[in-house]
Amino acid sequence: MPRCFRNRTCCGRNDNWGFFSSENKVYLKTLKKGDIMVFPQGLLQFQVNGGDTPALEFVSFSSDSPGLQILPNALFLNNLPTELMAQSTFLDTVEIKRLKDLLGGTT
């Protein structure tokens, strides 16, 4: 999770940017060239490229050590026992093992 807030400026075509609030509400915006979006500190953020070419954006952070956590890696590239993960998510053990095998986590 980011340890600072982030300001992103879209420099190309339409891209979908957003974040999840602590109440699990999704804030989603399709940004066009020149649009700016501010992401709050500590919330899960995402960006989906709106085209078939690489996206260009300018990003600024409120800290020189903003941190980064990639959700699939955090969930499935770990040594948390599969049974415990199944109890704390909506995934069954077969799906968790498949995703851990795919990303290199331990079951």
PDB file of N, CA and C in Angstrom:
ATOM      1  N   MET A   1       0.837  -1.175   0.000  1.00  0.00           N
ATOM      2  CA  MET A   1       0.000   0.000   0.000  1.00  0.00           C
ATOM      3  C   MET A   1       0.886   1.244   0.000  1.00  0.00           C
ATOM      4  N   PRO A   2       0.505   2.235  -0.727  1.00  0.00           N
ATOM      5  CA  PRO A   2       1.293   3.456  -0.780  1.00  0.00           C
ATOM      6  C   PRO A   2       1.360   4.157   0.581  1.00  0.00           C
ATOM      7  N   ARG A   3       2.536   4.687   0.898  1.00  0.00           N
ATOM      8  CA  ARG A   3       2.719   5.423   2.153  1.00  0.00           C
ATOM      9  C   ARG A   3       2.616   6.923   1.940  1.00  0.00           C
ATOM     10  N   CYS A   4       2.038   7.333   0.824  1.00  0.00           N
ATOM     11  CA  CYS A   4       1.875   8.761   0.531  1.00  0.00           C
ATOM     12  C   CYS A   4       0.714   8.900  -0.451  1.00  0.00           C
ATOM     13  N   PHE A   5       0.282  10.127  -0.675  1.00  0.00           N
ATOM     14  CA  PHE A   5      -0.722  10.297  -1.720  1.00  0.00           C
ATOM     15  C   PHE A   5       0.002  10.484  -3.042  1.00  0.00           C
ATOM     16  N   ARG A   6      -0.702  10.256  -4.127  1.00  0.00           N
ATOM     17  CA  ARG A   6      -0.097  10.298  -5.456  1.00  0.00           C
ATOM     18  C   ARG A   6      -0.956  11.142  -6.366  1.00  0.00           C
ATOM     19  N   ASN A   7      -0.315  11.929  -7.195  1.00  0.00           N
ATOM     20  CA  ASN A   7      -0.964  12.781  -8.184  1.00  0.00           C
ATOM     21  C   ASN A   7      -0.546  12.266  -9.549  1.00  0.00           C
ATOM     22  N   ARG A   8      -1.512  11.911 -10.406  1.00  0.00           N
ATOM     23  CA  ARG A   8      -1.194  11.387 -11.738  1.00  0.00           C
ATOM     24  C   ARG A   8      -1.827  12.277 -12.791  1.00  0.00           C
ATOM     25  N   THR A   9      -1.059  12.565 -13.834  1.00  0.00           N
ATOM     26  CA  THR A   9      -1.541  13.356 -14.965  1.00  0.00           C
ATOM     27  C   THR A   9      -1.505  12.488 -16.215  1.00  0.00           C
ATOM     28  N   CYS A  10      -2.632  12.359 -16.875  1.00  0.00           N
ATOM     29  CA  CYS A  10      -2.752  11.553 -18.089  1.00  0.00           C
ATOM     30  C   CYS A  10      -2.201  12.351 -19.272  1.00  0.00           C
ATOM     31  N   CYS A  11      -1.355  11.716 -20.065  1.00  0.00           N
ATOM     32  CA  CYS A  11      -0.731  12.416 -21.192  1.00  0.00           C
ATOM     33  C   CYS A  11      -1.123  11.825 -22.548  1.00  0.00           C
ATOM     34  N   GLY A  12      -2.056  10.924 -22.569  1.00  0.00           N
ATOM     35  CA  GLY A  12      -2.426  10.306 -23.836  1.00  0.00           C
ATOM     36  C   GLY A  12      -3.908  10.082 -23.957  1.00  0.00           C
ATOM     37  N   ARG A  13      -4.248   8.927 -24.456  1.00  0.00           N
ATOM     38  CA  ARG A  13      -5.656   8.586 -24.690  1.00  0.00           C
ATOM     39  C   ARG A  13      -6.375   8.293 -23.377  1.00  0.00           C
ATOM     40  N   ASN A  14      -7.587   7.807 -23.470  1.00  0.00           N
ATOM     41  CA  ASN A  14      -8.404   7.513 -22.293  1.00  0.00           C
ATOM     42  C   ASN A  14      -7.882   6.281 -21.551  1.00  0.00           C
ATOM     43  N   ASP A  15      -7.635   6.422 -20.266  1.00  0.00           N
ATOM     44  CA  ASP A  15      -7.238   5.326 -19.395  1.00  0.00           C
ATOM     45  C   ASP A  15      -8.184   5.312 -18.201  1.00  0.00           C
ATOM     46  N   ASN A  16      -8.445   4.135 -17.667  1.00  0.00           N
ATOM     47  CA  ASN A  16      -9.295   3.997 -16.491  1.00  0.00           C
ATOM     48  C   ASN A  16      -8.422   3.937 -15.248  1.00  0.00           C
ATOM     49  N   TRP A  17      -8.617   4.877 -14.354  1.00  0.00           N
ATOM     50  CA  TRP A  17      -7.860   4.956 -13.108  1.00  0.00           C
ATOM     51  C   TRP A  17      -8.839   4.941 -11.958  1.00  0.00           C
ATOM     52  N   GLY A  18      -8.399   4.397 -10.831  1.00  0.00           N
ATOM     53  CA  GLY A  18      -9.287   4.398  -9.688  1.00  0.00           C
ATOM     54  C   GLY A  18      -8.633   3.869  -8.437  1.00  0.00           C
ATOM     55  N   PHE A  19      -9.419   3.809  -7.381  1.00  0.00           N
ATOM     56  CA  PHE A  19      -8.961   3.266  -6.110  1.00  0.00           C
ATOM     57  C   PHE A  19     -10.155   2.747  -5.329  1.00  0.00           C
ATOM     58  N   PHE A  20      -9.869   1.900  -4.348  1.00  0.00           N
ATOM     59  CA  PHE A  20     -10.880   1.347  -3.451  1.00  0.00           C
ATOM     60  C   PHE A  20     -10.788   2.087  -2.130  1.00  0.00           C
ATOM     61  N   SER A  21     -11.916   2.569  -1.625  1.00  0.00           N
ATOM     62  CA  SER A  21     -11.928   3.238  -0.324  1.00  0.00           C
ATOM     63  C   SER A  21     -11.847   2.185   0.780  1.00  0.00           C
ATOM     64  N   SER A  22     -11.653   2.618   2.001  1.00  0.00           N
ATOM     65  CA  SER A  22     -11.604   1.684   3.129  1.00  0.00           C
ATOM     66  C   SER A  22     -12.973   1.057   3.388  1.00  0.00           C
ATOM     67  N   GLU A  23     -14.028   1.583   2.778  1.00  0.00           N
ATOM     68  CA  GLU A  23     -15.372   0.991   2.866  1.00  0.00           C
ATOM     69  C   GLU A  23     -15.669   0.107   1.656  1.00  0.00           C
ATOM     70  N   ASN A  24     -14.634  -0.209   0.849  1.00  0.00           N
ATOM     71  CA  ASN A  24     -14.736  -1.038  -0.354  1.00  0.00           C
ATOM     72  C   ASN A  24     -15.563  -0.399  -1.466  1.00  0.00           C
ATOM     73  N   LYS A  25     -15.682   0.905  -1.454  1.00  0.00           N
ATOM     74  CA  LYS A  25     -16.323   1.618  -2.550  1.00  0.00           C
ATOM     75  C   LYS A  25     -15.262   1.892  -3.612  1.00  0.00           C
ATOM     76  N   VAL A  26     -15.621   1.664  -4.867  1.00  0.00           N
ATOM     77  CA  VAL A  26     -14.694   1.896  -5.969  1.00  0.00           C
ATOM     78  C   VAL A  26     -14.900   3.298  -6.520  1.00  0.00           C
ATOM     79  N   TYR A  27     -13.815   4.045  -6.622  1.00  0.00           N
ATOM     80  CA  TYR A  27     -13.828   5.352  -7.282  1.00  0.00           C
ATOM     81  C   TYR A  27     -13.108   5.159  -8.607  1.00  0.00           C
ATOM     82  N   LEU A  28     -13.844   5.259  -9.698  1.00  0.00           N
ATOM     83  CA  LEU A  28     -13.324   4.986 -11.029  1.00  0.00           C
ATOM     84  C   LEU A  28     -13.535   6.202 -11.907  1.00  0.00           C
ATOM     85  N   LYS A  29     -12.520   6.540 -12.679  1.00  0.00           N
ATOM     86  CA  LYS A  29     -12.613   7.689 -13.576  1.00  0.00           C
ATOM     87  C   LYS A  29     -11.875   7.345 -14.859  1.00  0.00           C
ATOM     88  N   THR A  30     -12.490   7.654 -15.988  1.00  0.00           N
ATOM     89  CA  THR A  30     -11.804   7.550 -17.267  1.00  0.00           C
ATOM     90  C   THR A  30     -11.190   8.900 -17.551  1.00  0.00           C
ATOM     91  N   LEU A  31      -9.867   8.929 -17.564  1.00  0.00           N
ATOM     92  CA  LEU A  31      -9.160  10.198 -17.757  1.00  0.00           C
ATOM     93  C   LEU A  31      -8.748  10.367 -19.202  1.00  0.00           C
ATOM     94  N   LYS A  32      -8.871  11.586 -19.674  1.00  0.00           N
ATOM     95  CA  LYS A  32      -8.442  11.956 -21.017  1.00  0.00           C
ATOM     96  C   LYS A  32      -7.165  12.789 -20.910  1.00  0.00           C
ATOM     97  N   LYS A  33      -6.532  13.018 -22.008  1.00  0.00           N
ATOM     98  CA  LYS A  33      -5.289  13.781 -22.031  1.00  0.00           C
ATOM     99  C   LYS A  33      -5.449  15.090 -21.260  1.00  0.00           C
ATOM    100  N   GLY A  34      -4.541  15.330 -20.313  1.00  0.00           N
ATOM    101  CA  GLY A  34      -4.554  16.546 -19.520  1.00  0.00           C
ATOM    102  C   GLY A  34      -5.289  16.427 -18.199  1.00  0.00           C
ATOM    103  N   ASP A  35      -6.089  15.362 -18.015  1.00  0.00           N
ATOM    104  CA  ASP A  35      -6.806  15.170 -16.750  1.00  0.00           C
ATOM    105  C   ASP A  35      -5.836  14.798 -15.639  1.00  0.00           C
ATOM    106  N   ILE A  36      -6.215  15.129 -14.413  1.00  0.00           N
ATOM    107  CA  ILE A  36      -5.409  14.837 -13.226  1.00  0.00           C
ATOM    108  C   ILE A  36      -6.285  14.103 -12.220  1.00  0.00           C
ATOM    109  N   MET A  37      -5.691  13.136 -11.528  1.00  0.00           N
ATOM    110  CA  MET A  37      -6.396  12.429 -10.461  1.00  0.00           C
ATOM    111  C   MET A  37      -5.458  12.300  -9.270  1.00  0.00           C
ATOM    112  N   VAL A  38      -5.976  12.529  -8.070  1.00  0.00           N
ATOM    113  CA  VAL A  38      -5.207  12.395  -6.844  1.00  0.00           C
ATOM    114  C   VAL A  38      -5.665  11.123  -6.137  1.00  0.00           C
ATOM    115  N   PHE A  39      -4.700  10.282  -5.764  1.00  0.00           N
ATOM    116  CA  PHE A  39      -4.988   9.035  -5.072  1.00  0.00           C
ATOM    117  C   PHE A  39      -4.645   9.194  -3.598  1.00  0.00           C
ATOM    118  N   PRO A  40      -5.585   8.904  -2.696  1.00  0.00           N
ATOM    119  CA  PRO A  40      -5.321   9.041  -1.262  1.00  0.00           C
ATOM    120  C   PRO A  40      -4.256   8.058  -0.775  1.00  0.00           C
ATOM    121  N   GLN A  41      -3.609   8.417   0.298  1.00  0.00           N
ATOM    122  CA  GLN A  41      -2.574   7.595   0.901  1.00  0.00           C
ATOM    123  C   GLN A  41      -3.162   6.292   1.437  1.00  0.00           C
ATOM    124  N   GLY A  42      -2.462   5.186   1.211  1.00  0.00           N
ATOM    125  CA  GLY A  42      -2.798   3.918   1.843  1.00  0.00           C
ATOM    126  C   GLY A  42      -3.937   3.137   1.235  1.00  0.00           C
ATOM    127  N   LEU A  43      -4.531   3.598   0.139  1.00  0.00           N
ATOM    128  CA  LEU A  43      -5.640   2.872  -0.469  1.00  0.00           C
ATOM    129  C   LEU A  43      -5.169   2.105  -1.694  1.00  0.00           C
ATOM    130  N   LEU A  44      -5.793   0.981  -1.957  1.00  0.00           N
ATOM    131  CA  LEU A  44      -5.479   0.165  -3.108  1.00  0.00           C
ATOM    132  C   LEU A  44      -5.859   0.923  -4.374  1.00  0.00           C
ATOM    133  N   GLN A  45      -4.903   1.061  -5.292  1.00  0.00           N
ATOM    134  CA  GLN A  45      -5.100   1.855  -6.507  1.00  0.00           C
ATOM    135  C   GLN A  45      -4.932   0.968  -7.732  1.00  0.00           C
ATOM    136  N   PHE A  46      -5.508   1.388  -8.850  1.00  0.00           N
ATOM    137  CA  PHE A  46      -5.336   0.627 -10.081  1.00  0.00           C
ATOM    138  C   PHE A  46      -5.397   1.547 -11.289  1.00  0.00           C
ATOM    139  N   GLN A  47      -4.841   1.054 -12.378  1.00  0.00           N
ATOM    140  CA  GLN A  47      -4.898   1.742 -13.664  1.00  0.00           C
ATOM    141  C   GLN A  47      -5.026   0.690 -14.740  1.00  0.00           C
ATOM    142  N   VAL A  48      -5.926   0.914 -15.703  1.00  0.00           N
ATOM    143  CA  VAL A  48      -6.094   0.016 -16.828  1.00  0.00           C
ATOM    144  C   VAL A  48      -5.848   0.821 -18.100  1.00  0.00           C
ATOM    145  N   ASN A  49      -4.889   0.368 -18.878  1.00  0.00           N
ATOM    146  CA  ASN A  49      -4.544   1.012 -20.131  1.00  0.00           C
ATOM    147  C   ASN A  49      -5.740   0.951 -21.071  1.00  0.00           C
ATOM    148  N   GLY A  50      -6.148   2.094 -21.597  1.00  0.00           N
ATOM    149  CA  GLY A  50      -7.326   2.168 -22.450  1.00  0.00           C
ATOM    150  C   GLY A  50      -7.065   1.936 -23.922  1.00  0.00           C
ATOM    151  N   GLY A  51      -5.877   1.518 -24.285  1.00  0.00           N
ATOM    152  CA  GLY A  51      -5.572   1.318 -25.695  1.00  0.00           C
ATOM    153  C   GLY A  51      -4.611   0.171 -25.907  1.00  0.00           C
ATOM    154  N   ASP A  52      -4.073   0.093 -27.107  1.00  0.00           N
ATOM    155  CA  ASP A  52      -3.164  -1.006 -27.427  1.00  0.00           C
ATOM    156  C   ASP A  52      -1.711  -0.551 -27.552  1.00  0.00           C
ATOM    157  N   THR A  53      -1.420   0.658 -27.114  1.00  0.00           N
ATOM    158  CA  THR A  53      -0.039   1.155 -27.085  1.00  0.00           C
ATOM    159  C   THR A  53       0.304   1.539 -25.645  1.00  0.00           C
ATOM    160  N   PRO A  54       1.584   1.629 -25.316  1.00  0.00           N
ATOM    161  CA  PRO A  54       1.964   1.997 -23.944  1.00  0.00           C
ATOM    162  C   PRO A  54       1.385   3.350 -23.545  1.00  0.00           C
ATOM    163  N   ALA A  55       0.989   3.436 -22.279  1.00  0.00           N
ATOM    164  CA  ALA A  55       0.434   4.682 -21.742  1.00  0.00           C
ATOM    165  C   ALA A  55       1.574   5.590 -21.281  1.00  0.00           C
ATOM    166  N   LEU A  56       1.314   6.891 -21.261  1.00  0.00           N
ATOM    167  CA  LEU A  56       2.276   7.867 -20.750  1.00  0.00           C
ATOM    168  C   LEU A  56       1.574   8.700 -19.694  1.00  0.00           C
ATOM    169  N   GLU A  57       2.216   8.841 -18.553  1.00  0.00           N
ATOM    170  CA  GLU A  57       1.662   9.651 -17.475  1.00  0.00           C
ATOM    171  C   GLU A  57       2.803  10.261 -16.680  1.00  0.00           C
ATOM    172  N   PHE A  58       2.492  11.331 -15.985  1.00  0.00           N
ATOM    173  CA  PHE A  58       3.431  11.941 -15.054  1.00  0.00           C
ATOM    174  C   PHE A  58       2.873  11.737 -13.658  1.00  0.00           C
ATOM    175  N   VAL A  59       3.724  11.283 -12.752  1.00  0.00           N
ATOM    176  CA  VAL A  59       3.301  10.956 -11.396  1.00  0.00           C
ATOM    177  C   VAL A  59       4.149  11.734 -10.410  1.00  0.00           C
ATOM    178  N   SER A  60       3.513  12.271  -9.383  1.00  0.00           N
ATOM    179  CA  SER A  60       4.254  12.901  -8.286  1.00  0.00           C
ATOM    180  C   SER A  60       3.749  12.323  -6.974  1.00  0.00           C
ATOM    181  N   PHE A  61       4.656  12.202  -6.007  1.00  0.00           N
ATOM    182  CA  PHE A  61       4.343  11.620  -4.716  1.00  0.00           C
ATOM    183  C   PHE A  61       4.574  12.638  -3.617  1.00  0.00           C
ATOM    184  N   SER A  62       3.892  12.455  -2.487  1.00  0.00           N
ATOM    185  CA  SER A  62       4.079  13.352  -1.348  1.00  0.00           C
ATOM    186  C   SER A  62       5.196  12.877  -0.437  1.00  0.00           C
ATOM    187  N   SER A  63       5.971  11.880  -0.879  1.00  0.00           N
ATOM    188  CA  SER A  63       7.064  11.334  -0.077  1.00  0.00           C
ATOM    189  C   SER A  63       8.167  10.864  -1.020  1.00  0.00           C
ATOM    190  N   ASP A  64       9.407  10.875  -0.543  1.00  0.00           N
ATOM    191  CA  ASP A  64      10.497  10.346  -1.362  1.00  0.00           C
ATOM    192  C   ASP A  64      10.620   8.832  -1.204  1.00  0.00           C
ATOM    193  N   SER A  65       9.785   8.219  -0.369  1.00  0.00           N
ATOM    194  CA  SER A  65       9.754   6.768  -0.178  1.00  0.00           C
ATOM    195  C   SER A  65       8.295   6.305  -0.178  1.00  0.00           C
ATOM    196  N   PRO A  66       7.630   6.323  -1.348  1.00  0.00           N
ATOM    197  CA  PRO A  66       6.190   6.095  -1.388  1.00  0.00           C
ATOM    198  C   PRO A  66       5.747   4.655  -1.132  1.00  0.00           C
ATOM    199  N   GLY A  67       6.580   3.676  -1.427  1.00  0.00           N
ATOM    200  CA  GLY A  67       6.192   2.282  -1.242  1.00  0.00           C
ATOM    201  C   GLY A  67       5.335   1.775  -2.383  1.00  0.00           C
ATOM    202  N   LEU A  68       5.320   0.454  -2.520  1.00  0.00           N
ATOM    203  CA  LEU A  68       4.540  -0.182  -3.582  1.00  0.00           C
ATOM    204  C   LEU A  68       4.202  -1.589  -3.134  1.00  0.00           C
ATOM    205  N   GLN A  69       2.967  -1.981  -3.340  1.00  0.00           N
ATOM    206  CA  GLN A  69       2.555  -3.350  -3.085  1.00  0.00           C
ATOM    207  C   GLN A  69       1.677  -3.788  -4.241  1.00  0.00           C
ATOM    208  N   ILE A  70       2.061  -4.871  -4.898  1.00  0.00           N
ATOM    209  CA  ILE A  70       1.311  -5.392  -6.036  1.00  0.00           C
ATOM    210  C   ILE A  70       0.380  -6.481  -5.516  1.00  0.00           C
ATOM    211  N   LEU A  71      -0.918  -6.291  -5.677  1.00  0.00           N
ATOM    212  CA  LEU A  71      -1.926  -7.129  -5.044  1.00  0.00           C
ATOM    213  C   LEU A  71      -1.761  -8.623  -5.327  1.00  0.00           C
ATOM    214  N   PRO A  72      -1.659  -9.069  -6.597  1.00  0.00           N
ATOM    215  CA  PRO A  72      -1.523 -10.521  -6.808  1.00  0.00           C
ATOM    216  C   PRO A  72      -0.296 -11.101  -6.096  1.00  0.00           C
ATOM    217  N   ASN A  73       0.810 -10.359  -6.094  1.00  0.00           N
ATOM    218  CA  ASN A  73       2.005 -10.840  -5.398  1.00  0.00           C
ATOM    219  C   ASN A  73       1.767 -10.912  -3.895  1.00  0.00           C
ATOM    220  N   ALA A  74       1.117  -9.900  -3.346  1.00  0.00           N
ATOM    221  CA  ALA A  74       0.854  -9.886  -1.906  1.00  0.00           C
ATOM    222  C   ALA A  74      -0.055 -11.048  -1.501  1.00  0.00           C
ATOM    223  N   LEU A  75      -1.026 -11.384  -2.340  1.00  0.00           N
ATOM    224  CA  LEU A  75      -1.964 -12.443  -2.006  1.00  0.00           C
ATOM    225  C   LEU A  75      -1.436 -13.847  -2.261  1.00  0.00           C
ATOM    226  N   PHE A  76      -0.675 -14.027  -3.338  1.00  0.00           N
ATOM    227  CA  PHE A  76      -0.355 -15.388  -3.759  1.00  0.00           C
ATOM    228  C   PHE A  76       1.134 -15.710  -3.834  1.00  0.00           C
ATOM    229  N   LEU A  77       2.009 -14.757  -3.646  1.00  0.00           N
ATOM    230  CA  LEU A  77       3.450 -15.009  -3.652  1.00  0.00           C
ATOM    231  C   LEU A  77       3.929 -14.923  -2.203  1.00  0.00           C
ATOM    232  N   ASN A  78       3.380 -15.798  -1.370  1.00  0.00           N
ATOM    233  CA  ASN A  78       3.679 -15.746   0.055  1.00  0.00           C
ATOM    234  C   ASN A  78       3.646 -17.160   0.623  1.00  0.00           C
ATOM    235  N   ASN A  79       3.900 -17.262   1.914  1.00  0.00           N
ATOM    236  CA  ASN A  79       3.879 -18.572   2.575  1.00  0.00           C
ATOM    237  C   ASN A  79       2.688 -18.723   3.524  1.00  0.00           C
ATOM    238  N   LEU A  80       1.656 -17.878   3.376  1.00  0.00           N
ATOM    239  CA  LEU A  80       0.447 -18.018   4.177  1.00  0.00           C
ATOM    240  C   LEU A  80      -0.213 -19.344   3.812  1.00  0.00           C
ATOM    241  N   PRO A  81      -0.516 -20.196   4.779  1.00  0.00           N
ATOM    242  CA  PRO A  81      -1.121 -21.494   4.458  1.00  0.00           C
ATOM    243  C   PRO A  81      -2.404 -21.350   3.646  1.00  0.00           C
ATOM    244  N   THR A  82      -2.537 -22.198   2.639  1.00  0.00           N
ATOM    245  CA  THR A  82      -3.674 -22.159   1.734  1.00  0.00           C
ATOM    246  C   THR A  82      -4.999 -22.252   2.488  1.00  0.00           C
ATOM    247  N   GLU A  83      -5.069 -23.120   3.487  1.00  0.00           N
ATOM    248  CA  GLU A  83      -6.314 -23.298   4.238  1.00  0.00           C
ATOM    249  C   GLU A  83      -6.706 -22.013   4.970  1.00  0.00           C
ATOM    250  N   LEU A  84      -5.721 -21.329   5.530  1.00  0.00           N
ATOM    251  CA  LEU A  84      -6.001 -20.068   6.221  1.00  0.00           C
ATOM    252  C   LEU A  84      -6.452 -18.992   5.234  1.00  0.00           C
ATOM    253  N   MET A  85      -5.815 -18.963   4.055  1.00  0.00           N
ATOM    254  CA  MET A  85      -6.222 -17.995   3.035  1.00  0.00           C
ATOM    255  C   MET A  85      -7.647 -18.278   2.558  1.00  0.00           C
ATOM    256  N   ALA A  86      -8.006 -19.547   2.418  1.00  0.00           N
ATOM    257  CA  ALA A  86      -9.364 -19.904   1.989  1.00  0.00           C
ATOM    258  C   ALA A  86     -10.389 -19.452   3.026  1.00  0.00           C
ATOM    259  N   GLN A  87     -10.039 -19.529   4.288  1.00  0.00           N
ATOM    260  CA  GLN A  87     -10.953 -19.099   5.339  1.00  0.00           C
ATOM    261  C   GLN A  87     -11.114 -17.580   5.381  1.00  0.00           C
ATOM    262  N   SER A  88     -10.112 -16.854   4.907  1.00  0.00           N
ATOM    263  CA  SER A  88     -10.155 -15.395   4.991  1.00  0.00           C
ATOM    264  C   SER A  88     -10.489 -14.717   3.660  1.00  0.00           C
ATOM    265  N   THR A  89     -10.750 -15.505   2.618  1.00  0.00           N
ATOM    266  CA  THR A  89     -11.148 -14.956   1.317  1.00  0.00           C
ATOM    267  C   THR A  89     -12.374 -15.717   0.816  1.00  0.00           C
ATOM    268  N   PHE A  90     -12.834 -15.369  -0.372  1.00  0.00           N
ATOM    269  CA  PHE A  90     -13.950 -16.073  -0.998  1.00  0.00           C
ATOM    270  C   PHE A  90     -13.458 -17.104  -2.000  1.00  0.00           C
ATOM    271  N   LEU A  91     -12.187 -17.465  -1.929  1.00  0.00           N
ATOM    272  CA  LEU A  91     -11.610 -18.419  -2.863  1.00  0.00           C
ATOM    273  C   LEU A  91     -11.526 -19.794  -2.218  1.00  0.00           C
ATOM    274  N   ASP A  92     -11.683 -20.841  -3.053  1.00  0.00           N
ATOM    275  CA  ASP A  92     -11.519 -22.193  -2.509  1.00  0.00           C
ATOM    276  C   ASP A  92     -10.049 -22.594  -2.600  1.00  0.00           C
ATOM    277  N   THR A  93      -9.699 -23.683  -1.920  1.00  0.00           N
ATOM    278  CA  THR A  93      -8.293 -24.086  -1.836  1.00  0.00           C
ATOM    279  C   THR A  93      -7.713 -24.468  -3.194  1.00  0.00           C
ATOM    280  N   VAL A  94      -8.519 -25.048  -4.071  1.00  0.00           N
ATOM    281  CA  VAL A  94      -8.031 -25.418  -5.406  1.00  0.00           C
ATOM    282  C   VAL A  94      -7.591 -24.172  -6.175  1.00  0.00           C
ATOM    283  N   GLU A  95      -8.414 -23.116  -6.150  1.00  0.00           N
ATOM    284  CA  GLU A  95      -8.077 -21.876  -6.863  1.00  0.00           C
ATOM    285  C   GLU A  95      -6.864 -21.186  -6.227  1.00  0.00           C
ATOM    286  N   ILE A  96      -6.782 -21.184  -4.923  1.00  0.00           N
ATOM    287  CA  ILE A  96      -5.640 -20.571  -4.244  1.00  0.00           C
ATOM    288  C   ILE A  96      -4.355 -21.305  -4.606  1.00  0.00           C
ATOM    289  N   LYS A  97      -4.377 -22.625  -4.585  1.00  0.00           N
ATOM    290  CA  LYS A  97      -3.183 -23.413  -4.950  1.00  0.00           C
ATOM    291  C   LYS A  97      -2.786 -23.145  -6.396  1.00  0.00           C
ATOM    292  N   ARG A  98      -3.785 -23.045  -7.294  1.00  0.00           N
ATOM    293  CA  ARG A  98      -3.487 -22.763  -8.704  1.00  0.00           C
ATOM    294  C   ARG A  98      -2.786 -21.414  -8.852  1.00  0.00           C
ATOM    295  N   LEU A  99      -3.298 -20.391  -8.165  1.00  0.00           N
ATOM    296  CA  LEU A  99      -2.710 -19.054  -8.262  1.00  0.00           C
ATOM    297  C   LEU A  99      -1.337 -18.998  -7.585  1.00  0.00           C
ATOM    298  N   LYS A 100      -1.172 -19.681  -6.469  1.00  0.00           N
ATOM    299  CA  LYS A 100       0.138 -19.718  -5.803  1.00  0.00           C
ATOM    300  C   LYS A 100       1.162 -20.442  -6.689  1.00  0.00           C
ATOM    301  N   ASP A 101       0.742 -21.545  -7.326  1.00  0.00           N
ATOM    302  CA  ASP A 101       1.650 -22.249  -8.244  1.00  0.00           C
ATOM    303  C   ASP A 101       2.043 -21.348  -9.404  1.00  0.00           C
ATOM    304  N   LEU A 102       1.085 -20.610  -9.931  1.00  0.00           N
ATOM    305  CA  LEU A 102       1.341 -19.721 -11.058  1.00  0.00           C
ATOM    306  C   LEU A 102       2.334 -18.614 -10.707  1.00  0.00           C
ATOM    307  N   LEU A 103       2.196 -18.037  -9.498  1.00  0.00           N
ATOM    308  CA  LEU A 103       3.047 -16.910  -9.108  1.00  0.00           C
ATOM    309  C   LEU A 103       4.264 -17.309  -8.275  1.00  0.00           C
ATOM    310  N   GLY A 104       4.353 -18.558  -7.860  1.00  0.00           N
ATOM    311  CA  GLY A 104       5.534 -19.011  -7.126  1.00  0.00           C
ATOM    312  C   GLY A 104       5.405 -18.992  -5.618  1.00  0.00           C
ATOM    313  N   GLY A 105       4.212 -18.878  -5.102  1.00  0.00           N
ATOM    314  CA  GLY A 105       4.010 -18.932  -3.657  1.00  0.00           C
ATOM    315  C   GLY A 105       4.067 -20.364  -3.157  1.00  0.00           C
ATOM    316  N   THR A 106       4.084 -20.537  -1.859  1.00  0.00           N
ATOM    317  CA  THR A 106       4.080 -21.875  -1.278  1.00  0.00           C
ATOM    318  C   THR A 106       2.691 -22.193  -0.762  1.00  0.00           C
ATOM    319  N   THR A 107       2.284 -23.449  -0.951  1.00  0.00           N
ATOM    320  CA  THR A 107       0.955 -23.864  -0.530  1.00  0.00           C
ATOM    321  C   THR A 107       1.019 -24.435   0.865  1.00  0.00           C
TER     322      THR A 107
END
